[in-house]
Every structure is written in C-alpha cells, then in structure tokens.
Amino acid sequence: MTIIDTPKTHKRWVHFSFATALFVLLLAGAFSTSRAQSVAGRIAFGFDGGGNKYYGNFSDNQFGFSGDAFIRWNILDWLSLHAAYNGGVLHYSVTDVNKNANPGYFGSPGQAHYDAGLYPDGITKLDDQSNIRVGGWELMLSANVFPSQSFVPYFIAGIEALNFEPKTAHSAQPLPNNAAGIYSKNVLGGEVGVGYELYISDKVTFNGKVLLHLTGTDWLDDYSDPNNFRQDAFMTFGMGFAYYIFAPDLDKTPNAAAAVAVTTQVDQTNYVHQTTIIKSDTIYIREAADTVYMMNPKVNTVYNFPGTLFIVNTDQFNTAVPGNQANLYKIRDLVNQCPALKVEIQGFASEEGTPQRNQELSELRAAKIKSWLIGQGISPDKVPSTVGYGTSRPAVIEPTNGSPERLEAARVQNRRIAVRVLHSCTN
C-alpha cells in the first residue's frame, strides 16, 4: 500500500515513532524483576539494532535500518559516558510531490534531462528513491533516572562526528551535488534522546534508546534550498543488549562453609538475634551510651555496630551523622582492650543495589575499618582478617513497602560493621 506523505502525515509518523518508543520503555519497566542497579565505576559494551527516519528538504514515508555498537562507563550512579558508532541507511522517495516542489533540484517537465529521467547534470539517473548512507562516532552523557532500580531510564545528549553519502537507490550513483563536491560529507552535529537499561542479570542488560540526530548541515539529502535553509536531521531508534565487563563476580562471595554457623530468630521489633554454634551471642551496639567493653570476650562473639558509619554506596565515613565518630572509637577501644585480643572485621550492606556491588561494598568497608584502626595505632597483627557478607546476614528485615523513612531506618541497621573475636585476652 502506498502512503502519500503530506506534511500532516509526516507529523503523524514522528508522533507514532516517539509514542512507540515510549510504550516500549514503559513495557520494559513493567516486567522488570532484577534487583540490579546502575553503579559507579562499571563499564559495559553492547549493541542496538533498529530503524531510522529522515527529516529534511523532501517529504518521505519510509523507515530504514540502523544499528550501533557502544561502550558505556558509569562515572557516577546517575551519570554515564557513552561512546558509540552508529551506522545505517536513510531513504526518501523521489515522488512527483517532491519533484514538483523542488524544480531547482530536479528540473521541470519539458526539459530534456527531466524527460530522459536524469538530474540536471544530465548524468545521474533519476531513480524513484534515494539512499543516504550515514555513519557517526558519538560521545554522549546520560542522566540516569532511578539508578538504584533494575529499570533505569535516562536522558542523553552529546556530539556526533558524522559522515554521509547520498546516492541513487538502484543505480548507486552519487547524487548530483555529491558528485560535484559542492559540500563536505564530514560534519559535526549533536544528538538528544531518551533510553533505558533493563537488568536481566547483574551483568547483562536489555537496552533501548531513541536519538534525534541534529546533523549541522542542510546537505544530508544532497540539496539545500537557497530560499529555505534548514538543518537536516534524522531519528534512530533501537533495542539491544549490553554486558558489564567490569563488575565483581558472584564467586568472590566468601565461602559459606568457612563462616561461623548461626541460628536466627526474629522478635517483635524485627531485629534478628543470632547465636553461633558454640553459643556465643551476637551483640548489637545501637545507642551511643551502649558499652562494648567486655573483659576477656569469648571467641566467636560478634559485636555489631549498626548505624550510618558510611556514606551510601561508598566506603567513606559519614562524619556528618552524630554518633558515627563515637562508634568508630568504640570499635577501636574494643580491639585495643588487651594485647592478646585478635579480631576479624566484618562488613555488611543493605539490600538496595546489585548483589555484586553490595558484596564489593561490604568488603571495602571492612578493609576501611582495618585501615583506620591501623592509623589509630592498632597493630595489624590484632586484625588478621577482614570479610564482607554483602546482604546475606541482615540485622533487620527490610520492609517491602511503607514510607521511605521506614525503609531507610531499616537499611541503616544493615549498613553496618561487625567485629568477631578470633582470640580472646587469655586463651
């Protein structure tokens, strides 16, 4: 079926294209189940495949194919750098409407070249369609929305070094102004758009994006109307996959068999009380007034220090929160109460974020505490080991609904450090 492309129809195609892309974004979000997130420092490579649409001097009713390969670097959780190469072919029809509206380019009926099916140069064949091969190197920044979720929409903008080649569709001849070398086919333009990442697993994502390419030239289609200069543009849209090549592996999780076995029960306050297999209690330090000094603590006793010791998603101390510095000194005093005492520093994380990132954070935080203790004059021999447990041993059951304040209050308790006694003061 032939579609006559009037300006009204042209606008409908634009609206339809963006509406379809938006629908895909919403549908992908609705079926998202992964708990992964956009995390700073991760690097992925991937590809997208889809279509494109030309917007220029000539009306058109066709879509072409396009695709890109890209590398994505999450500079921050909410900010990513994208480097990509996009390539494809744009199409526009050489209809009577186009020829009649642009006699300066096509000529007019009655002219010898026109009647012979040629452009005004008398050489290039006047096919019923023209193709524009496009290829561009792109450098873009995206602002990631909801980076802690498994469905991460983003807004994206950047620059593009574009090369294009307008030719006839069937005879593959350069179009007349292209053949005459009237303009440069290498231009610098910009692009804006929207996209998303949908985490299928912790390293694999399903992607989609829509970009409007502002080419910076009016010669993309081989013609610049001297009476109505306007920048040519084209839209690309597609979906694909990416793989995060720089992300911690799950197999780095400490061996569960090497950990001290625990039994757990939950009381009415939602706090988990843990007891080791040798019946040494786990102790939670919740208030600044709580004491941690315990002469000759039993081996395998675990002292927990819940609270916002660390800034979210980092291993940096959160000194802005009252009581954090006091908790650090409590850890120091516990470890330093007798020469023979040796401990293991354990790190934990709350449930937001990917399992890999939570595991990594818990390990970094445990190492940070050991480093701080050594800086406070504690002998490294007193802290022979550190370990991270990620989210595997929660102190508090995090609610699945409720207010953000209630959720954060639970997460604060899980975002903690624990000290396990390896060697007591006397044995």
Protein backbone atom coordinates (compact mmCIF):
# COMPACT_ATOMS: atom_id res chain seq x y z
CA MET A 1 0.00 0.00 0.00
CA THR A 2 1.36 3.41 -0.96
CA ILE A 3 1.21 6.15 1.64
CA ILE A 4 1.03 9.69 0.31
CA ASP A 5 3.29 11.74 2.53
CA THR A 6 1.70 15.09 3.21
CA PRO A 7 3.06 17.43 5.95
CA LYS A 8 0.24 16.22 8.18
CA THR A 9 1.16 12.57 7.56
CA HIS A 10 4.80 13.44 8.16
CA LYS A 11 3.96 14.74 11.64
CA ARG A 12 1.91 11.64 12.34
CA TRP A 13 4.91 9.44 11.58
CA VAL A 14 7.04 11.45 14.02
CA HIS A 15 4.41 11.20 16.76
CA PHE A 16 3.90 7.49 16.10
CA SER A 17 7.64 6.79 16.26
CA PHE A 18 8.12 8.51 19.60
CA ALA A 19 4.91 7.05 21.02
CA THR A 20 6.04 3.55 20.07
CA ALA A 21 9.45 4.08 21.69
CA LEU A 22 7.83 5.41 24.87
CA PHE A 23 5.50 2.41 25.01
CA VAL A 24 8.47 0.05 24.77
CA LEU A 25 10.18 1.88 27.65
CA LEU A 26 7.12 1.59 29.89
CA LEU A 27 6.51 -2.04 28.96
CA ALA A 28 10.10 -2.98 29.74
CA GLY A 29 9.85 -1.31 33.14
CA ALA A 30 6.64 -3.13 33.96
CA PHE A 31 8.27 -6.56 33.50
CA SER A 32 11.47 -5.71 35.34
CA THR A 33 12.30 -8.14 38.18
CA SER A 34 16.08 -7.92 38.65
CA ARG A 35 17.48 -6.16 41.73
CA ALA A 36 20.49 -4.77 39.91
CA GLN A 37 21.30 -1.09 39.55
CA SER A 38 23.40 1.47 37.74
CA VAL A 39 26.60 1.62 39.81
CA ALA A 40 29.55 3.99 39.50
CA GLY A 41 32.72 2.52 38.02
CA ARG A 42 31.07 -0.21 35.93
CA ILE A 43 31.86 -0.46 32.21
CA ALA A 44 29.71 -2.24 29.63
CA PHE A 45 29.86 -2.88 25.92
CA GLY A 46 26.83 -3.62 23.79
CA PHE A 47 24.87 -3.11 20.61
CA ASP A 48 21.48 -1.85 19.46
CA GLY A 49 19.61 -2.59 16.26
CA GLY A 50 16.53 -0.87 14.90
CA GLY A 51 15.34 1.72 12.45
CA ASN A 52 15.79 5.30 11.38
CA LYS A 53 13.77 8.11 9.85
CA TYR A 54 14.98 11.01 7.69
CA TYR A 55 13.77 14.63 8.16
CA GLY A 56 14.97 17.07 5.52
CA ASN A 57 14.07 19.01 2.41
CA PHE A 58 11.95 16.21 0.95
CA SER A 59 8.83 14.62 2.33
CA ASP A 60 9.15 10.92 2.95
CA ASN A 61 7.23 7.92 4.25
CA GLN A 62 9.98 5.34 4.74
CA PHE A 63 11.99 3.86 7.55
CA GLY A 64 15.49 2.48 7.14
CA PHE A 65 17.74 0.20 9.17
CA SER A 66 20.32 1.40 11.68
CA GLY A 67 22.43 -0.06 14.42
CA ASP A 68 25.20 0.89 16.79
CA ALA A 69 27.93 -0.58 18.96
CA PHE A 70 28.77 1.23 22.18
CA ILE A 71 30.76 1.34 25.37
CA ARG A 72 29.12 2.73 28.50
CA TRP A 73 31.03 3.93 31.56
CA ASN A 74 29.08 4.79 34.69
CA ILE A 75 31.02 7.78 36.01
CA LEU A 76 28.54 8.15 38.86
CA ASP A 77 25.41 6.21 39.67
CA TRP A 78 23.32 8.88 37.93
CA LEU A 79 25.81 9.95 35.22
CA SER A 80 27.21 7.79 32.40
CA LEU A 81 29.52 8.40 29.45
CA HIS A 82 28.62 6.67 26.18
CA ALA A 83 30.99 6.22 23.23
CA ALA A 84 29.40 4.66 20.16
CA TYR A 85 29.49 4.18 16.43
CA ASN A 86 26.14 4.39 14.66
CA GLY A 87 25.58 3.34 11.06
CA GLY A 88 22.65 2.87 8.73
CA VAL A 89 20.91 3.88 5.54
CA LEU A 90 18.25 6.60 5.27
CA HIS A 91 15.66 6.58 2.49
CA TYR A 92 13.47 9.15 0.82
CA SER A 93 11.18 8.71 -2.16
CA VAL A 94 11.60 10.75 -5.32
CA THR A 95 7.87 11.32 -5.73
CA ASP A 96 6.06 13.72 -8.03
CA VAL A 97 5.27 15.78 -4.94
CA ASN A 98 8.97 16.18 -4.20
CA LYS A 99 9.90 16.88 -7.83
CA ASN A 100 7.17 19.48 -8.30
CA ALA A 101 8.05 21.21 -5.01
CA ASN A 102 11.80 21.40 -5.78
CA PRO A 103 12.32 22.21 -9.50
CA GLY A 104 15.67 23.81 -8.64
CA TYR A 105 16.99 20.39 -7.80
CA PHE A 106 15.06 18.01 -10.07
CA GLY A 107 14.23 20.24 -13.00
CA SER A 108 10.80 20.56 -14.64
CA PRO A 109 8.76 18.58 -17.16
CA GLY A 110 9.65 19.55 -20.72
CA GLN A 111 13.36 19.86 -20.01
CA ALA A 112 15.39 17.30 -21.95
CA HIS A 113 17.17 15.82 -18.92
CA TYR A 114 13.91 15.59 -16.94
CA ASP A 115 12.06 13.83 -19.71
CA ALA A 116 15.04 11.48 -20.11
CA GLY A 117 14.86 10.54 -16.42
CA LEU A 118 18.04 12.36 -15.41
CA TYR A 119 19.02 15.04 -12.93
CA PRO A 120 20.01 18.49 -14.31
CA ASP A 121 23.64 17.37 -14.62
CA GLY A 122 22.50 15.10 -17.45
CA ILE A 123 24.44 12.17 -16.00
CA THR A 124 22.83 10.98 -12.78
CA LYS A 125 19.81 8.76 -13.23
CA LEU A 126 16.62 9.93 -11.59
CA ASP A 127 15.63 6.83 -9.57
CA ASP A 128 12.35 6.64 -7.72
CA GLN A 129 14.25 6.54 -4.40
CA SER A 130 17.46 7.93 -2.96
CA ASN A 131 19.55 6.45 -0.18
CA ILE A 132 21.83 8.19 2.29
CA ARG A 133 24.48 6.06 3.92
CA VAL A 134 25.29 7.54 7.35
CA GLY A 135 27.93 6.65 9.91
CA GLY A 136 28.85 8.60 13.00
CA TRP A 137 31.14 8.49 16.02
CA GLU A 138 29.19 9.57 19.08
CA LEU A 139 30.22 10.84 22.50
CA MET A 140 27.31 11.37 24.88
CA LEU A 141 26.43 11.84 28.54
CA SER A 142 23.31 10.37 30.09
CA ALA A 143 21.49 11.39 33.26
CA ASN A 144 20.22 8.15 34.77
CA VAL A 145 16.81 8.21 36.45
CA PHE A 146 16.21 5.79 39.35
CA PRO A 147 19.79 4.38 39.22
CA SER A 148 19.12 2.11 42.21
CA GLN A 149 16.39 0.21 40.36
CA SER A 150 16.62 -2.61 37.83
CA PHE A 151 14.85 -0.47 35.19
CA VAL A 152 16.94 2.65 34.66
CA PRO A 153 15.59 5.24 32.19
CA TYR A 154 17.92 8.03 31.13
CA PHE A 155 18.09 11.27 29.20
CA ILE A 156 21.04 11.53 26.86
CA ALA A 157 22.77 14.23 24.78
CA GLY A 158 26.11 14.63 23.06
CA ILE A 159 28.05 15.31 19.88
CA GLU A 160 28.49 13.29 16.70
CA ALA A 161 31.18 13.29 14.01
CA LEU A 162 29.03 12.26 11.05
CA ASN A 163 29.94 11.05 7.57
CA PHE A 164 27.21 10.68 4.93
CA GLU A 165 26.99 9.57 1.31
CA PRO A 166 23.82 10.41 -0.72
CA LYS A 167 23.30 8.10 -3.72
CA THR A 168 20.58 6.89 -6.02
CA ALA A 169 18.91 3.73 -4.73
CA HIS A 170 19.07 1.43 -7.76
CA SER A 171 21.97 2.63 -9.90
CA ALA A 172 24.04 3.56 -6.77
CA GLN A 173 25.33 6.75 -8.41
CA PRO A 174 26.38 9.69 -6.25
CA LEU A 175 23.62 12.27 -6.33
CA PRO A 176 24.48 15.32 -8.48
CA ASN A 177 25.67 17.77 -5.80
CA ASN A 178 27.57 14.98 -4.11
CA ALA A 179 29.28 14.12 -7.40
CA ALA A 180 30.13 17.77 -7.93
CA GLY A 181 31.74 18.06 -4.48
CA ILE A 182 29.68 21.09 -3.53
CA TYR A 183 29.61 20.28 0.19
CA SER A 184 31.59 18.44 2.84
CA LYS A 185 30.32 15.00 3.73
CA ASN A 186 32.04 15.09 7.13
CA VAL A 187 30.17 17.25 9.61
CA LEU A 188 29.95 17.80 13.36
CA GLY A 189 26.47 17.69 14.84
CA GLY A 190 24.65 16.95 18.04
CA GLU A 191 22.07 14.49 19.33
CA VAL A 192 19.50 14.30 22.09
CA GLY A 193 17.22 11.50 23.20
CA VAL A 194 15.98 9.06 25.80
CA GLY A 195 16.81 5.46 26.61
CA TYR A 196 16.78 2.78 29.27
CA GLU A 197 18.66 -0.13 30.78
CA LEU A 198 16.72 -3.16 31.98
CA TYR A 199 18.82 -5.55 34.06
CA ILE A 200 18.26 -9.17 33.04
CA SER A 201 21.03 -10.27 35.37
CA ASP A 202 23.71 -8.45 37.31
CA LYS A 203 25.92 -8.12 34.24
CA VAL A 204 23.53 -8.37 31.29
CA THR A 205 21.10 -5.60 30.36
CA PHE A 206 18.41 -5.15 27.74
CA ASN A 207 18.71 -1.67 26.25
CA GLY A 208 16.72 0.70 24.13
CA LYS A 209 17.07 4.29 23.04
CA VAL A 210 15.68 6.93 20.69
CA LEU A 211 18.01 9.64 19.37
CA LEU A 212 17.36 12.72 17.29
CA HIS A 213 20.50 13.48 15.26
CA LEU A 214 20.94 17.18 14.50
CA THR A 215 23.42 16.98 11.66
CA GLY A 216 24.55 20.61 11.47
CA THR A 217 24.16 20.59 7.66
CA ASP A 218 21.36 21.09 5.12
CA TRP A 219 23.10 18.84 2.57
CA LEU A 220 22.31 15.45 4.11
CA ASP A 221 19.85 14.74 1.27
CA ASP A 222 22.14 16.35 -1.37
CA TYR A 223 20.06 19.52 -1.57
CA SER A 224 20.00 22.84 0.26
CA ASP A 225 17.10 25.11 -0.68
CA PRO A 226 18.58 28.61 -1.08
CA ASN A 227 15.23 30.14 -0.12
CA ASN A 228 14.54 27.96 2.90
CA PHE A 229 17.71 26.80 4.64
CA ARG A 230 17.08 24.33 7.43
CA GLN A 231 19.20 21.80 9.23
CA ASP A 232 18.58 18.23 8.11
CA ALA A 233 18.05 15.65 10.81
CA PHE A 234 17.27 12.00 11.30
CA MET A 235 15.98 9.85 14.11
CA THR A 236 17.32 6.47 15.15
CA PHE A 237 15.61 4.04 17.48
CA GLY A 238 16.52 0.53 18.51
CA MET A 239 16.96 -2.10 21.17
CA GLY A 240 19.75 -4.47 22.07
CA PHE A 241 21.90 -5.91 24.83
CA ALA A 242 24.94 -4.92 26.87
CA TYR A 243 27.36 -6.83 29.05
CA TYR A 244 29.18 -5.29 32.00
CA ILE A 245 32.77 -6.39 31.58
CA PHE A 246 33.95 -4.64 34.74
CA ALA A 247 31.79 -5.88 37.61
CA PRO A 248 32.63 -8.11 40.59
CA ASP A 249 31.86 -11.80 40.19
CA LEU A 250 29.49 -13.65 42.48
CA ASP A 251 32.09 -16.31 43.07
CA LYS A 252 34.08 -13.77 45.10
CA THR A 253 31.48 -14.15 47.86
CA PRO A 254 33.12 -15.72 50.93
CA ASN A 255 32.62 -19.43 51.24
CA ALA A 256 29.62 -20.00 53.48
CA ALA A 257 31.22 -23.14 54.88
CA ALA A 258 34.10 -21.09 56.26
CA ALA A 259 31.80 -18.77 58.18
CA VAL A 260 30.61 -19.43 61.68
CA ALA A 261 27.24 -21.14 61.51
CA VAL A 262 24.38 -19.22 63.14
CA THR A 263 20.79 -19.78 64.12
CA THR A 264 18.38 -16.87 63.84
CA GLN A 265 15.03 -15.83 65.20
CA VAL A 266 13.06 -12.62 64.79
CA ASP A 267 11.47 -10.78 67.71
CA GLN A 268 8.62 -8.30 67.62
CA THR A 269 10.97 -5.38 66.98
CA ASN A 270 12.07 -7.02 63.70
CA TYR A 271 15.65 -7.39 64.96
CA VAL A 272 17.38 -10.66 64.14
CA HIS A 273 19.08 -12.28 67.11
CA GLN A 274 21.91 -14.61 66.12
CA THR A 275 23.68 -17.28 68.14
CA THR A 276 26.75 -19.14 66.91
CA ILE A 277 27.10 -22.91 67.06
CA ILE A 278 29.26 -22.54 70.17
CA LYS A 279 26.59 -20.41 71.87
CA SER A 280 28.49 -17.12 71.85
CA ASP A 281 25.95 -14.33 71.47
CA THR A 282 25.85 -11.65 68.85
CA ILE A 283 25.77 -8.23 70.46
CA TYR A 284 24.18 -5.17 68.84
CA ILE A 285 25.50 -1.75 69.74
CA ARG A 286 22.56 0.54 68.98
CA GLU A 287 22.99 3.64 71.13
CA ALA A 288 25.96 5.88 71.81
CA ALA A 289 25.63 5.04 75.52
CA ASP A 290 25.91 1.28 74.94
CA THR A 291 29.15 -0.17 76.24
CA VAL A 292 31.26 -2.55 74.20
CA TYR A 293 33.97 -3.11 76.79
CA MET A 294 33.89 -6.76 77.83
CA MET A 295 36.92 -8.15 79.59
CA ASN A 296 38.01 -11.48 78.12
CA PRO A 297 35.27 -11.70 75.46
CA LYS A 298 34.51 -15.22 74.27
CA VAL A 299 35.90 -16.48 70.97
CA ASN A 300 33.39 -16.01 68.14
CA THR A 301 31.41 -13.35 69.99
CA VAL A 302 30.30 -10.83 67.36
CA TYR A 303 29.86 -7.14 68.17
CA ASN A 304 27.67 -5.32 65.65
CA PHE A 305 27.84 -1.58 65.06
CA PRO A 306 24.73 -0.63 63.08
CA GLY A 307 24.27 2.95 62.01
CA THR A 308 25.27 5.18 59.16
CA LEU A 309 29.00 4.71 59.54
CA PHE A 310 29.38 5.06 55.78
CA ILE A 311 28.00 7.29 53.07
CA VAL A 312 25.53 5.37 50.90
CA ASN A 313 27.21 3.36 48.10
CA THR A 314 30.73 4.27 49.28
CA ASP A 315 33.35 3.18 51.82
CA GLN A 316 33.75 6.76 53.06
CA PHE A 317 32.90 7.55 56.68
CA ASN A 318 29.73 9.57 57.10
CA THR A 319 31.04 12.07 59.64
CA ALA A 320 28.01 14.32 59.19
CA VAL A 321 25.80 11.94 61.22
CA PRO A 322 26.01 12.32 65.03
CA GLY A 323 27.37 9.26 66.80
CA ASN A 324 29.38 7.86 63.91
CA GLN A 325 32.72 9.06 65.23
CA ALA A 326 31.81 7.68 68.65
CA ASN A 327 31.06 4.29 67.08
CA LEU A 328 34.47 4.28 65.40
CA TYR A 329 36.16 4.94 68.76
CA LYS A 330 34.09 2.13 70.32
CA ILE A 331 35.46 -0.27 67.69
CA ARG A 332 38.98 0.95 68.44
CA ASP A 333 38.51 0.54 72.21
CA LEU A 334 37.06 -2.95 71.79
CA VAL A 335 40.00 -4.14 69.69
CA ASN A 336 42.60 -2.46 71.87
CA GLN A 337 41.38 -3.59 75.31
CA CYS A 338 44.12 -6.23 75.73
CA PRO A 339 47.31 -7.22 73.88
CA ALA A 340 46.27 -10.80 73.07
CA LEU A 341 42.88 -9.94 71.55
CA LYS A 342 42.60 -10.61 67.83
CA VAL A 343 39.52 -9.87 65.73
CA GLU A 344 38.00 -10.19 62.30
CA ILE A 345 36.33 -7.10 60.84
CA GLN A 346 33.09 -7.95 59.01
CA GLY A 347 31.29 -5.67 56.56
CA PHE A 348 27.61 -5.72 55.62
CA ALA A 349 25.36 -3.81 53.23
CA SER A 350 21.68 -3.02 52.88
CA GLU A 351 19.61 -4.55 50.11
CA GLU A 352 19.42 -1.71 47.61
CA GLY A 353 21.81 -2.23 44.69
CA THR A 354 23.22 -5.23 42.88
CA PRO A 355 24.42 -8.28 44.85
CA GLN A 356 27.87 -7.76 43.33
CA ARG A 357 28.04 -4.11 44.36
CA ASN A 358 26.76 -4.90 47.85
CA GLN A 359 29.37 -7.64 48.19
CA GLU A 360 32.07 -5.27 46.99
CA LEU A 361 30.92 -2.51 49.36
CA SER A 362 30.91 -4.82 52.36
CA GLU A 363 34.49 -5.90 51.60
CA LEU A 364 35.65 -2.31 51.03
CA ARG A 365 34.04 -1.13 54.27
CA ALA A 366 35.63 -3.89 56.33
CA ALA A 367 39.03 -3.05 54.82
CA LYS A 368 38.42 0.64 55.50
CA ILE A 369 37.84 -0.05 59.21
CA LYS A 370 41.05 -2.10 59.43
CA SER A 371 42.99 0.69 57.72
CA TRP A 372 41.50 3.25 60.11
CA LEU A 373 42.37 1.10 63.14
CA ILE A 374 45.98 0.78 61.99
CA GLY A 375 46.05 4.54 61.53
CA GLN A 376 44.90 4.84 65.14
CA GLY A 377 47.93 2.89 66.33
CA ILE A 378 46.39 -0.60 66.43
CA SER A 379 48.87 -3.33 65.44
CA PRO A 380 47.97 -5.05 62.13
CA ASP A 381 48.51 -8.37 63.94
CA LYS A 382 45.39 -7.69 66.03
CA VAL A 383 43.24 -7.54 62.86
CA PRO A 384 44.48 -10.52 60.80
CA SER A 385 41.39 -10.74 58.58
CA THR A 386 38.50 -8.81 57.06
CA VAL A 387 35.47 -10.23 55.29
CA GLY A 388 32.40 -8.90 53.52
CA TYR A 389 29.00 -10.60 53.68
CA GLY A 390 27.03 -8.26 51.46
CA THR A 391 23.33 -8.64 52.28
CA SER A 392 23.49 -12.31 53.34
CA ARG A 393 23.19 -11.66 57.10
CA PRO A 394 20.72 -8.85 57.73
CA ALA A 395 20.40 -7.33 61.18
CA VAL A 396 16.93 -6.04 60.31
CA ILE A 397 14.33 -7.35 57.89
CA GLU A 398 13.93 -4.55 55.35
CA PRO A 399 10.24 -3.81 54.63
CA THR A 400 8.91 -4.25 51.12
CA ASN A 401 6.51 -1.34 51.48
CA GLY A 402 5.93 1.65 53.68
CA SER A 403 7.39 5.13 53.85
CA PRO A 404 10.89 5.98 52.60
CA GLU A 405 11.79 6.93 56.17
CA ARG A 406 10.79 3.48 57.49
CA LEU A 407 12.78 1.75 54.74
CA GLU A 408 15.87 3.87 55.37
CA ALA A 409 15.65 3.23 59.11
CA ALA A 410 15.92 -0.49 58.37
CA ARG A 411 18.68 -0.08 55.82
CA VAL A 412 20.75 1.93 58.28
CA GLN A 413 20.82 -1.08 60.60
CA ASN A 414 22.03 -3.39 57.82
CA ARG A 415 24.65 -0.96 56.53
CA ARG A 416 26.96 -1.92 59.36
CA ILE A 417 30.32 -3.18 60.65
CA ALA A 418 30.80 -6.14 62.99
CA VAL A 419 33.81 -7.31 65.00
CA ARG A 420 34.21 -11.06 65.61
CA VAL A 421 36.58 -12.24 68.31
CA LEU A 422 39.18 -14.67 66.94
CA HIS A 423 41.45 -14.85 70.00
CA SER A 424 40.43 -13.69 73.46
CA CYS A 425 42.53 -11.91 76.04
CA THR A 426 43.55 -15.06 77.94
CA ASN A 427 43.40 -18.07 75.61
